[in-house]
Amino acid sequence: MGKRILLGVLGVVFGIVAGMIFMMFLHWATTFVYPLPEGVDFMSQEPEDQERFKEWAATLPTGAFLLATVCHGLGCLAGAVVAMLVAGRRSLIPALVVGVFFTACGVMNLSAVPHPAWFAYVDLPVYLILALVAGVLLKRQGDTAPADA
């Protein structure tokens, strides 16, 4: 039982890290479709850079926000897959914990960056849906191995 818990925790941690890295890579790739204006760095923590980013984000078309939802969903999906594989594919819990983490980050993102009114209704459900899809597809069926095997 202890080994399963440890693998579950490691799965969640590795899944979150892998999912965030993949999602940030996808966001970076979208800058080729919707280039950042000169002097805007979406990773900067400087207040003036964040303000310039917010001003730019407020001008983006609907397609940019749909693309952001795809990045968020695929990042969460990748994280849930990693969590399931590391945890041993015995339970949906690691995938769902990754989905809850990404959903919480999505809520924080909504308060930090300007979005259209519809965005939350499209973006937030994607995290848990794709985490559940990953979990269901990867969960072992009929596994009779001992818990500490």
Protein backbone atom coordinates (compact mmCIF):
# COMPACT_ATOMS: atom_id res chain seq x y z
CA MET A 1 0.00 0.00 0.00
CA GLY A 2 2.84 2.41 0.84
CA LYS A 3 4.48 1.85 -2.53
CA ARG A 4 1.19 2.61 -4.32
CA ILE A 5 0.76 5.86 -2.41
CA LEU A 6 4.34 6.91 -3.15
CA LEU A 7 3.90 6.10 -6.84
CA GLY A 8 0.62 8.03 -6.86
CA VAL A 9 2.23 11.11 -5.32
CA LEU A 10 5.22 10.89 -7.66
CA GLY A 11 2.85 10.42 -10.59
CA VAL A 12 0.95 13.57 -9.69
CA VAL A 13 4.13 15.62 -9.20
CA PHE A 14 5.75 14.40 -12.42
CA GLY A 15 2.44 14.77 -14.25
CA ILE A 16 2.02 18.38 -13.15
CA VAL A 17 5.58 19.28 -14.07
CA ALA A 18 5.43 17.52 -17.46
CA GLY A 19 2.00 18.97 -18.24
CA MET A 20 3.08 22.52 -17.37
CA ILE A 21 6.24 22.22 -19.47
CA PHE A 22 4.27 20.86 -22.42
CA MET A 23 1.59 23.53 -22.07
CA MET A 24 4.18 26.33 -21.93
CA PHE A 25 5.89 24.90 -25.01
CA LEU A 26 2.55 24.94 -26.83
CA HIS A 27 1.91 28.52 -25.72
CA TRP A 28 5.34 29.48 -27.00
CA ALA A 29 4.56 27.78 -30.32
CA THR A 30 1.34 29.80 -30.64
CA THR A 31 3.42 32.97 -30.75
CA PHE A 32 4.23 31.99 -34.33
CA VAL A 33 0.51 32.23 -35.14
CA TYR A 34 -0.19 35.26 -32.92
CA PRO A 35 3.19 36.99 -32.52
CA LEU A 36 3.91 39.00 -29.40
CA PRO A 37 4.48 42.71 -30.01
CA GLU A 38 8.02 44.05 -29.68
CA GLY A 39 9.05 44.26 -26.03
CA VAL A 40 6.32 41.95 -24.69
CA ASP A 41 7.46 38.86 -22.80
CA PHE A 42 4.66 36.63 -21.52
CA MET A 43 7.01 35.02 -18.97
CA SER A 44 8.27 38.26 -17.41
CA GLN A 45 7.32 39.05 -13.82
CA GLU A 46 8.05 42.76 -14.19
CA PRO A 47 4.86 44.81 -13.61
CA GLU A 48 5.35 46.95 -16.74
CA ASP A 49 5.87 43.82 -18.88
CA GLN A 50 2.77 42.24 -17.40
CA GLU A 51 0.75 45.37 -18.21
CA ARG A 52 1.96 45.36 -21.82
CA PHE A 53 1.07 41.68 -22.07
CA LYS A 54 -2.44 42.33 -20.66
CA GLU A 55 -2.97 45.18 -23.12
CA TRP A 56 -1.93 42.92 -26.00
CA ALA A 57 -4.07 39.99 -24.77
CA ALA A 58 -7.12 42.26 -24.69
CA THR A 59 -6.76 42.79 -28.46
CA LEU A 60 -6.55 39.12 -29.45
CA PRO A 61 -9.21 37.54 -31.68
CA THR A 62 -11.41 34.59 -30.74
CA GLY A 63 -9.07 32.16 -32.51
CA ALA A 64 -6.25 33.03 -30.16
CA PHE A 65 -8.37 32.15 -27.14
CA LEU A 66 -9.53 28.90 -28.71
CA LEU A 67 -5.90 28.06 -29.41
CA ALA A 68 -5.09 28.84 -25.77
CA THR A 69 -7.80 26.39 -24.71
CA VAL A 70 -6.21 23.73 -26.92
CA CYS A 71 -2.82 24.42 -25.27
CA HIS A 72 -4.35 24.20 -21.80
CA GLY A 73 -6.22 21.00 -22.59
CA LEU A 74 -3.29 19.24 -24.22
CA GLY A 75 -0.99 20.26 -21.36
CA CYS A 76 -3.42 18.82 -18.82
CA LEU A 77 -3.90 15.68 -20.94
CA ALA A 78 -0.12 15.16 -21.15
CA GLY A 79 0.20 15.67 -17.41
CA ALA A 80 -2.58 13.20 -16.68
CA VAL A 81 -0.97 10.62 -18.98
CA VAL A 82 2.37 10.98 -17.18
CA ALA A 83 0.63 10.75 -13.79
CA MET A 84 -1.17 7.57 -14.80
CA LEU A 85 1.95 5.92 -16.22
CA VAL A 86 4.12 6.74 -13.19
CA ALA A 87 1.39 5.79 -10.71
CA GLY A 88 0.93 2.36 -12.25
CA ARG A 89 -2.43 2.85 -13.96
CA ARG A 90 -4.44 1.32 -11.11
CA SER A 91 -6.57 4.34 -10.17
CA LEU A 92 -8.04 7.42 -11.83
CA ILE A 93 -7.04 9.55 -8.84
CA PRO A 94 -3.60 10.71 -10.13
CA ALA A 95 -5.10 11.87 -13.43
CA LEU A 96 -7.95 13.65 -11.67
CA VAL A 97 -5.62 15.38 -9.21
CA VAL A 98 -3.65 16.71 -12.17
CA GLY A 99 -6.93 17.88 -13.70
CA VAL A 100 -7.95 19.65 -10.49
CA PHE A 101 -4.53 21.33 -10.27
CA PHE A 102 -4.77 22.56 -13.88
CA THR A 103 -8.33 23.76 -13.27
CA ALA A 104 -7.18 25.77 -10.23
CA CYS A 105 -4.38 27.28 -12.31
CA GLY A 106 -6.94 28.08 -15.01
CA VAL A 107 -9.05 29.97 -12.48
CA MET A 108 -5.99 31.96 -11.40
CA ASN A 109 -5.18 32.65 -15.06
CA LEU A 110 -8.69 34.01 -15.60
CA SER A 111 -8.15 36.58 -12.87
CA ALA A 112 -4.65 37.54 -14.05
CA VAL A 113 -5.10 37.92 -17.83
CA PRO A 114 -8.01 39.57 -19.67
CA HIS A 115 -10.26 37.06 -21.40
CA PRO A 116 -13.57 37.29 -23.26
CA ALA A 117 -16.64 36.55 -21.11
CA TRP A 118 -17.24 33.16 -22.79
CA PHE A 119 -13.70 31.89 -22.24
CA ALA A 120 -14.17 30.50 -18.72
CA TYR A 121 -17.14 28.40 -19.85
CA VAL A 122 -15.10 26.82 -22.63
CA ASP A 123 -11.67 26.61 -21.00
CA LEU A 124 -12.30 25.41 -17.44
CA PRO A 125 -14.27 22.22 -18.25
CA VAL A 126 -11.55 21.09 -20.65
CA TYR A 127 -9.06 20.34 -17.86
CA LEU A 128 -11.14 17.82 -15.95
CA ILE A 129 -12.66 16.29 -19.08
CA LEU A 130 -9.27 15.56 -20.65
CA ALA A 131 -7.77 14.38 -17.35
CA LEU A 132 -10.68 11.96 -17.01
CA VAL A 133 -10.26 10.80 -20.62
CA ALA A 134 -6.56 10.09 -19.99
CA GLY A 135 -7.37 8.26 -16.77
CA VAL A 136 -10.12 6.11 -18.27
CA LEU A 137 -8.08 5.22 -21.34
CA LEU A 138 -4.96 4.30 -19.36
CA LYS A 139 -6.47 2.63 -16.30
CA ARG A 140 -5.76 -1.07 -16.17
CA GLN A 141 -8.87 -3.18 -16.37
CA GLY A 142 -9.23 -6.25 -14.21
CA ASP A 143 -5.85 -5.79 -12.53
CA THR A 144 -5.52 -8.50 -9.89
CA ALA A 145 -1.89 -7.88 -8.94
CA PRO A 146 -1.21 -7.38 -5.22
CA ALA A 147 -1.18 -3.75 -4.08
CA ASP A 148 2.58 -3.73 -3.31
CA ALA A 149 3.65 -5.78 -6.32
